Amino acid sequence: MSGKWLVLVLFLAVTTTLLNMAIFVSQISTAAIARGGINAGKLLDDDDFTDGLTKIIRKTVRDYCTVGKRNGIDC
């Protein structure tokens, strides 16, 4: 019984390794521009996304300058 479990675990380990290798190779072989460039362009065209990003950046700068005034940092 112990040998059957060992064979099953070994089989699952080899199968998982081969599957991970196949995914890794497909990620490398696909050009980065094809994976991310098109989606990033669509995201920057989204008005809700850019408005939200602008609000986050403004709040971060405002918070930094508020803390900076207390610590003598010039904004």
PDB file of N, CA and C in Angstrom:
ATOM      1  N   MET A   1       0.821  -1.197   0.000  1.00  0.00           N
ATOM      2  CA  MET A   1       0.000   0.000   0.000  1.00  0.00           C
ATOM      3  C   MET A   1       0.864   1.260   0.000  1.00  0.00           C
ATOM      4  N   SER A   2       1.965   1.219   0.706  1.00  0.00           N
ATOM      5  CA  SER A   2       2.851   2.363   0.787  1.00  0.00           C
ATOM      6  C   SER A   2       3.474   2.676  -0.575  1.00  0.00           C
ATOM      7  N   GLY A   3       3.785   1.657  -1.347  1.00  0.00           N
ATOM      8  CA  GLY A   3       4.370   1.851  -2.672  1.00  0.00           C
ATOM      9  C   GLY A   3       3.405   2.509  -3.635  1.00  0.00           C
ATOM     10  N   LYS A   4       2.117   2.187  -3.516  1.00  0.00           N
ATOM     11  CA  LYS A   4       1.111   2.806  -4.392  1.00  0.00           C
ATOM     12  C   LYS A   4       1.008   4.307  -4.121  1.00  0.00           C
ATOM     13  N   TRP A   5       1.051   4.686  -2.845  1.00  0.00           N
ATOM     14  CA  TRP A   5       0.981   6.101  -2.510  1.00  0.00           C
ATOM     15  C   TRP A   5       2.218   6.848  -2.997  1.00  0.00           C
ATOM     16  N   LEU A   6       3.357   6.200  -2.888  1.00  0.00           N
ATOM     17  CA  LEU A   6       4.595   6.813  -3.356  1.00  0.00           C
ATOM     18  C   LEU A   6       4.552   7.055  -4.862  1.00  0.00           C
ATOM     19  N   VAL A   7       4.038   6.084  -5.603  1.00  0.00           N
ATOM     20  CA  VAL A   7       3.914   6.221  -7.053  1.00  0.00           C
ATOM     21  C   VAL A   7       2.923   7.329  -7.394  1.00  0.00           C
ATOM     22  N   LEU A   8       1.810   7.410  -6.668  1.00  0.00           N
ATOM     23  CA  LEU A   8       0.807   8.451  -6.915  1.00  0.00           C
ATOM     24  C   LEU A   8       1.381   9.840  -6.643  1.00  0.00           C
ATOM     25  N   VAL A   9       2.085   9.992  -5.538  1.00  0.00           N
ATOM     26  CA  VAL A   9       2.692  11.285  -5.202  1.00  0.00           C
ATOM     27  C   VAL A   9       3.748  11.658  -6.234  1.00  0.00           C
ATOM     28  N   LEU A  10       4.555  10.720  -6.641  1.00  0.00           N
ATOM     29  CA  LEU A  10       5.580  10.981  -7.655  1.00  0.00           C
ATOM     30  C   LEU A  10       4.938  11.378  -8.983  1.00  0.00           C
ATOM     31  N   PHE A  11       3.877  10.685  -9.363  1.00  0.00           N
ATOM     32  CA  PHE A  11       3.164  11.004 -10.601  1.00  0.00           C
ATOM     33  C   PHE A  11       2.584  12.422 -10.544  1.00  0.00           C
ATOM     34  N   LEU A  12       1.959  12.779  -9.419  1.00  0.00           N
ATOM     35  CA  LEU A  12       1.402  14.129  -9.283  1.00  0.00           C
ATOM     36  C   LEU A  12       2.496  15.196  -9.309  1.00  0.00           C
ATOM     37  N   ALA A  13       3.630  14.917  -8.704  1.00  0.00           N
ATOM     38  CA  ALA A  13       4.730  15.875  -8.701  1.00  0.00           C
ATOM     39  C   ALA A  13       5.270  16.106 -10.108  1.00  0.00           C
ATOM     40  N   VAL A  14       5.451  15.033 -10.852  1.00  0.00           N
ATOM     41  CA  VAL A  14       5.960  15.153 -12.224  1.00  0.00           C
ATOM     42  C   VAL A  14       4.944  15.872 -13.108  1.00  0.00           C
ATOM     43  N   THR A  15       3.662  15.529 -12.960  1.00  0.00           N
ATOM     44  CA  THR A  15       2.612  16.166 -13.765  1.00  0.00           C
ATOM     45  C   THR A  15       2.546  17.661 -13.476  1.00  0.00           C
ATOM     46  N   THR A  16       2.594  18.026 -12.203  1.00  0.00           N
ATOM     47  CA  THR A  16       2.554  19.438 -11.830  1.00  0.00           C
ATOM     48  C   THR A  16       3.767  20.182 -12.369  1.00  0.00           C
ATOM     49  N   THR A  17       4.923  19.566 -12.282  1.00  0.00           N
ATOM     50  CA  THR A  17       6.140  20.197 -12.794  1.00  0.00           C
ATOM     51  C   THR A  17       6.054  20.429 -14.298  1.00  0.00           C
ATOM     52  N   LEU A  18       5.593  19.442 -15.026  1.00  0.00           N
ATOM     53  CA  LEU A  18       5.467  19.593 -16.484  1.00  0.00           C
ATOM     54  C   LEU A  18       4.441  20.658 -16.850  1.00  0.00           C
ATOM     55  N   LEU A  19       3.347  20.714 -16.118  1.00  0.00           N
ATOM     56  CA  LEU A  19       2.330  21.729 -16.374  1.00  0.00           C
ATOM     57  C   LEU A  19       2.891  23.125 -16.101  1.00  0.00           C
ATOM     58  N   ASN A  20       3.606  23.280 -15.010  1.00  0.00           N
ATOM     59  CA  ASN A  20       4.219  24.580 -14.707  1.00  0.00           C
ATOM     60  C   ASN A  20       5.248  24.976 -15.756  1.00  0.00           C
ATOM     61  N   MET A  21       6.011  24.023 -16.233  1.00  0.00           N
ATOM     62  CA  MET A  21       6.985  24.324 -17.287  1.00  0.00           C
ATOM     63  C   MET A  21       6.286  24.771 -18.565  1.00  0.00           C
ATOM     64  N   ALA A  22       5.186  24.127 -18.915  1.00  0.00           N
ATOM     65  CA  ALA A  22       4.445  24.505 -20.119  1.00  0.00           C
ATOM     66  C   ALA A  22       3.890  25.918 -19.990  1.00  0.00           C
ATOM     67  N   ILE A  23       3.365  26.258 -18.830  1.00  0.00           N
ATOM     68  CA  ILE A  23       2.848  27.614 -18.612  1.00  0.00           C
ATOM     69  C   ILE A  23       3.982  28.629 -18.673  1.00  0.00           C
ATOM     70  N   PHE A  24       5.103  28.299 -18.081  1.00  0.00           N
ATOM     71  CA  PHE A  24       6.253  29.200 -18.080  1.00  0.00           C
ATOM     72  C   PHE A  24       6.757  29.456 -19.500  1.00  0.00           C
ATOM     73  N   VAL A  25       6.876  28.415 -20.283  1.00  0.00           N
ATOM     74  CA  VAL A  25       7.348  28.562 -21.668  1.00  0.00           C
ATOM     75  C   VAL A  25       6.369  29.394 -22.483  1.00  0.00           C
ATOM     76  N   SER A  26       5.075  29.196 -22.285  1.00  0.00           N
ATOM     77  CA  SER A  26       4.098  29.978 -23.048  1.00  0.00           C
ATOM     78  C   SER A  26       4.138  31.444 -22.648  1.00  0.00           C
ATOM     79  N   GLN A  27       4.420  31.732 -21.381  1.00  0.00           N
ATOM     80  CA  GLN A  27       4.542  33.121 -20.949  1.00  0.00           C
ATOM     81  C   GLN A  27       5.767  33.786 -21.555  1.00  0.00           C
ATOM     82  N   ILE A  28       6.858  33.065 -21.638  1.00  0.00           N
ATOM     83  CA  ILE A  28       8.080  33.627 -22.219  1.00  0.00           C
ATOM     84  C   ILE A  28       7.929  33.818 -23.725  1.00  0.00           C
ATOM     85  N   SER A  29       7.285  32.865 -24.385  1.00  0.00           N
ATOM     86  CA  SER A  29       7.196  32.936 -25.839  1.00  0.00           C
ATOM     87  C   SER A  29       6.225  34.009 -26.321  1.00  0.00           C
ATOM     88  N   THR A  30       5.270  34.406 -25.493  1.00  0.00           N
ATOM     89  CA  THR A  30       4.351  35.470 -25.874  1.00  0.00           C
ATOM     90  C   THR A  30       5.042  36.804 -25.632  1.00  0.00           C
ATOM     91  N   ALA A  31       5.020  37.662 -26.622  1.00  0.00           N
ATOM     92  CA  ALA A  31       5.694  38.951 -26.500  1.00  0.00           C
ATOM     93  C   ALA A  31       5.037  39.784 -25.408  1.00  0.00           C
ATOM     94  N   ALA A  32       5.837  40.543 -24.691  1.00  0.00           N
ATOM     95  CA  ALA A  32       5.317  41.362 -23.593  1.00  0.00           C
ATOM     96  C   ALA A  32       4.333  42.401 -24.100  1.00  0.00           C
ATOM     97  N   ILE A  33       4.589  42.936 -25.268  1.00  0.00           N
ATOM     98  CA  ILE A  33       3.692  43.955 -25.814  1.00  0.00           C
ATOM     99  C   ILE A  33       2.323  43.353 -26.126  1.00  0.00           C
ATOM    100  N   ALA A  34       2.313  42.103 -26.532  1.00  0.00           N
ATOM    101  CA  ALA A  34       1.032  41.454 -26.834  1.00  0.00           C
ATOM    102  C   ALA A  34       0.248  41.165 -25.570  1.00  0.00           C
ATOM    103  N   ARG A  35       0.947  40.880 -24.475  1.00  0.00           N
ATOM    104  CA  ARG A  35       0.260  40.565 -23.223  1.00  0.00           C
ATOM    105  C   ARG A  35      -0.241  41.809 -22.520  1.00  0.00           C
ATOM    106  N   GLY A  36       0.567  42.862 -22.433  1.00  0.00           N
ATOM    107  CA  GLY A  36       0.209  43.985 -21.587  1.00  0.00           C
ATOM    108  C   GLY A  36      -0.023  45.300 -22.289  1.00  0.00           C
ATOM    109  N   GLY A  37       0.591  45.503 -23.423  1.00  0.00           N
ATOM    110  CA  GLY A  37       0.510  46.799 -24.083  1.00  0.00           C
ATOM    111  C   GLY A  37      -0.880  47.179 -24.520  1.00  0.00           C
ATOM    112  N   ILE A  38      -1.595  46.251 -25.070  1.00  0.00           N
ATOM    113  CA  ILE A  38      -2.937  46.538 -25.572  1.00  0.00           C
ATOM    114  C   ILE A  38      -3.885  46.820 -24.414  1.00  0.00           C
ATOM    115  N   ASN A  39      -3.819  46.009 -23.373  1.00  0.00           N
ATOM    116  CA  ASN A  39      -4.704  46.206 -22.231  1.00  0.00           C
ATOM    117  C   ASN A  39      -4.394  47.494 -21.493  1.00  0.00           C
ATOM    118  N   ALA A  40      -3.129  47.859 -21.391  1.00  0.00           N
ATOM    119  CA  ALA A  40      -2.765  49.098 -20.713  1.00  0.00           C
ATOM    120  C   ALA A  40      -3.300  50.298 -21.476  1.00  0.00           C
ATOM    121  N   GLY A  41      -3.247  50.244 -22.793  1.00  0.00           N
ATOM    122  CA  GLY A  41      -3.790  51.334 -23.598  1.00  0.00           C
ATOM    123  C   GLY A  41      -5.282  51.490 -23.401  1.00  0.00           C
ATOM    124  N   LYS A  42      -5.990  50.385 -23.333  1.00  0.00           N
ATOM    125  CA  LYS A  42      -7.435  50.442 -23.097  1.00  0.00           C
ATOM    126  C   LYS A  42      -7.736  50.988 -21.713  1.00  0.00           C
ATOM    127  N   LEU A  43      -6.906  50.634 -20.743  1.00  0.00           N
ATOM    128  CA  LEU A  43      -7.119  51.090 -19.382  1.00  0.00           C
ATOM    129  C   LEU A  43      -6.933  52.593 -19.277  1.00  0.00           C
ATOM    130  N   LEU A  44      -5.934  53.132 -19.964  1.00  0.00           N
ATOM    131  CA  LEU A  44      -5.704  54.572 -19.905  1.00  0.00           C
ATOM    132  C   LEU A  44      -6.764  55.357 -20.660  1.00  0.00           C
ATOM    133  N   ASP A  45      -7.503  54.721 -21.550  1.00  0.00           N
ATOM    134  CA  ASP A  45      -8.605  55.380 -22.245  1.00  0.00           C
ATOM    135  C   ASP A  45      -9.875  55.415 -21.402  1.00  0.00           C
ATOM    136  N   ASP A  46      -9.907  54.650 -20.317  1.00  0.00           N
ATOM    137  CA  ASP A  46     -11.072  54.583 -19.449  1.00  0.00           C
ATOM    138  C   ASP A  46     -11.098  55.812 -18.551  1.00  0.00           C
ATOM    139  N   ASP A  47     -12.137  56.648 -18.695  1.00  0.00           N
ATOM    140  CA  ASP A  47     -12.223  57.894 -17.930  1.00  0.00           C
ATOM    141  C   ASP A  47     -12.352  57.647 -16.435  1.00  0.00           C
ATOM    142  N   ASP A  48     -13.097  56.632 -16.043  1.00  0.00           N
ATOM    143  CA  ASP A  48     -13.256  56.340 -14.614  1.00  0.00           C
ATOM    144  C   ASP A  48     -11.915  55.967 -13.986  1.00  0.00           C
ATOM    145  N   PHE A  49     -11.126  55.184 -14.711  1.00  0.00           N
ATOM    146  CA  PHE A  49      -9.813  54.788 -14.192  1.00  0.00           C
ATOM    147  C   PHE A  49      -8.898  55.992 -14.041  1.00  0.00           C
ATOM    148  N   THR A  50      -8.828  56.833 -15.064  1.00  0.00           N
ATOM    149  CA  THR A  50      -7.929  57.985 -14.997  1.00  0.00           C
ATOM    150  C   THR A  50      -8.390  58.986 -13.941  1.00  0.00           C
ATOM    151  N   ASP A  51      -9.701  59.157 -13.781  1.00  0.00           N
ATOM    152  CA  ASP A  51     -10.192  60.055 -12.728  1.00  0.00           C
ATOM    153  C   ASP A  51      -9.830  59.521 -11.346  1.00  0.00           C
ATOM    154  N   GLY A  52     -10.015  58.228 -11.151  1.00  0.00           N
ATOM    155  CA  GLY A  52      -9.671  57.622  -9.869  1.00  0.00           C
ATOM    156  C   GLY A  52      -8.178  57.696  -9.592  1.00  0.00           C
ATOM    157  N   LEU A  53      -7.376  57.444 -10.614  1.00  0.00           N
ATOM    158  CA  LEU A  53      -5.924  57.520 -10.460  1.00  0.00           C
ATOM    159  C   LEU A  53      -5.481  58.942 -10.129  1.00  0.00           C
ATOM    160  N   THR A  54      -6.096  59.922 -10.775  1.00  0.00           N
ATOM    161  CA  THR A  54      -5.776  61.322 -10.498  1.00  0.00           C
ATOM    162  C   THR A  54      -6.101  61.673  -9.055  1.00  0.00           C
ATOM    163  N   LYS A  55      -7.260  61.212  -8.568  1.00  0.00           N
ATOM    164  CA  LYS A  55      -7.638  61.490  -7.182  1.00  0.00           C
ATOM    165  C   LYS A  55      -6.643  60.871  -6.203  1.00  0.00           C
ATOM    166  N   ILE A  56      -6.229  59.647  -6.470  1.00  0.00           N
ATOM    167  CA  ILE A  56      -5.271  58.975  -5.587  1.00  0.00           C
ATOM    168  C   ILE A  56      -3.939  59.715  -5.574  1.00  0.00           C
ATOM    169  N   ILE A  57      -3.468  60.142  -6.737  1.00  0.00           N
ATOM    170  CA  ILE A  57      -2.188  60.855  -6.819  1.00  0.00           C
ATOM    171  C   ILE A  57      -2.278  62.195  -6.098  1.00  0.00           C
ATOM    172  N   ARG A  58      -3.371  62.929  -6.307  1.00  0.00           N
ATOM    173  CA  ARG A  58      -3.522  64.223  -5.637  1.00  0.00           C
ATOM    174  C   ARG A  58      -3.580  64.060  -4.125  1.00  0.00           C
ATOM    175  N   LYS A  59      -4.308  63.047  -3.652  1.00  0.00           N
ATOM    176  CA  LYS A  59      -4.405  62.814  -2.205  1.00  0.00           C
ATOM    177  C   LYS A  59      -3.037  62.440  -1.636  1.00  0.00           C
ATOM    178  N   THR A  60      -2.294  61.613  -2.363  1.00  0.00           N
ATOM    179  CA  THR A  60      -0.970  61.215  -1.891  1.00  0.00           C
ATOM    180  C   THR A  60      -0.035  62.417  -1.794  1.00  0.00           C
ATOM    181  N   VAL A  61      -0.054  63.270  -2.796  1.00  0.00           N
ATOM    182  CA  VAL A  61       0.802  64.471  -2.778  1.00  0.00           C
ATOM    183  C   VAL A  61       0.358  65.403  -1.669  1.00  0.00           C
ATOM    184  N   ARG A  62      -0.956  65.578  -1.503  1.00  0.00           N
ATOM    185  CA  ARG A  62      -1.470  66.449  -0.443  1.00  0.00           C
ATOM    186  C   ARG A  62      -1.065  65.933   0.939  1.00  0.00           C
ATOM    187  N   ASP A  63      -1.197  64.620   1.150  1.00  0.00           N
ATOM    188  CA  ASP A  63      -0.791  64.037   2.433  1.00  0.00           C
ATOM    189  C   ASP A  63       0.705  64.192   2.649  1.00  0.00           C
ATOM    190  N   TYR A  64       1.482  63.980   1.600  1.00  0.00           N
ATOM    191  CA  TYR A  64       2.939  64.109   1.716  1.00  0.00           C
ATOM    192  C   TYR A  64       3.316  65.537   2.087  1.00  0.00           C
ATOM    193  N   CYS A  65       2.684  66.500   1.444  1.00  0.00           N
ATOM    194  CA  CYS A  65       3.015  67.893   1.729  1.00  0.00           C
ATOM    195  C   CYS A  65       2.561  68.291   3.124  1.00  0.00           C
ATOM    196  N   THR A  66       1.431  67.750   3.584  1.00  0.00           N
ATOM    197  CA  THR A  66       0.968  68.046   4.939  1.00  0.00           C
ATOM    198  C   THR A  66       1.958  67.523   5.968  1.00  0.00           C
ATOM    199  N   VAL A  67       2.402  66.308   5.792  1.00  0.00           N
ATOM    200  CA  VAL A  67       3.387  65.734   6.713  1.00  0.00           C
ATOM    201  C   VAL A  67       4.727  66.433   6.539  1.00  0.00           C
ATOM    202  N   GLY A  68       5.056  66.764   5.311  1.00  0.00           N
ATOM    203  CA  GLY A  68       6.336  67.409   5.033  1.00  0.00           C
ATOM    204  C   GLY A  68       6.472  68.765   5.692  1.00  0.00           C
ATOM    205  N   LYS A  69       5.364  69.513   5.788  1.00  0.00           N
ATOM    206  CA  LYS A  69       5.428  70.821   6.441  1.00  0.00           C
ATOM    207  C   LYS A  69       5.784  70.675   7.902  1.00  0.00           C
ATOM    208  N   ARG A  70       5.284  69.616   8.523  1.00  0.00           N
ATOM    209  CA  ARG A  70       5.608  69.394   9.928  1.00  0.00           C
ATOM    210  C   ARG A  70       7.062  68.966  10.100  1.00  0.00           C
ATOM    211  N   ASN A  71       7.596  68.301   9.098  1.00  0.00           N
ATOM    212  CA  ASN A  71       8.977  67.803   9.198  1.00  0.00           C
ATOM    213  C   ASN A  71       9.977  68.696   8.477  1.00  0.00           C
ATOM    214  N   GLY A  72       9.529  69.840   8.014  1.00  0.00           N
ATOM    215  CA  GLY A  72      10.426  70.783   7.368  1.00  0.00           C
ATOM    216  C   GLY A  72      10.754  70.467   5.922  1.00  0.00           C
ATOM    217  N   ILE A  73       9.933  69.650   5.275  1.00  0.00           N
ATOM    218  CA  ILE A  73      10.139  69.333   3.851  1.00  0.00           C
ATOM    219  C   ILE A  73       9.389  70.382   3.027  1.00  0.00           C
ATOM    220  N   ASP A  74      10.068  70.953   2.042  1.00  0.00           N
ATOM    221  CA  ASP A  74       9.451  71.977   1.208  1.00  0.00           C
ATOM    222  C   ASP A  74       8.731  71.322   0.037  1.00  0.00           C
ATOM    223  N   CYS A  75       7.439  71.597  -0.101  1.00  0.00           N
ATOM    224  CA  CYS A  75       6.663  71.023  -1.219  1.00  0.00           C
ATOM    225  C   CYS A  75       6.591  72.001  -2.350  1.00  0.00           C
TER     226      CYS A  75
END
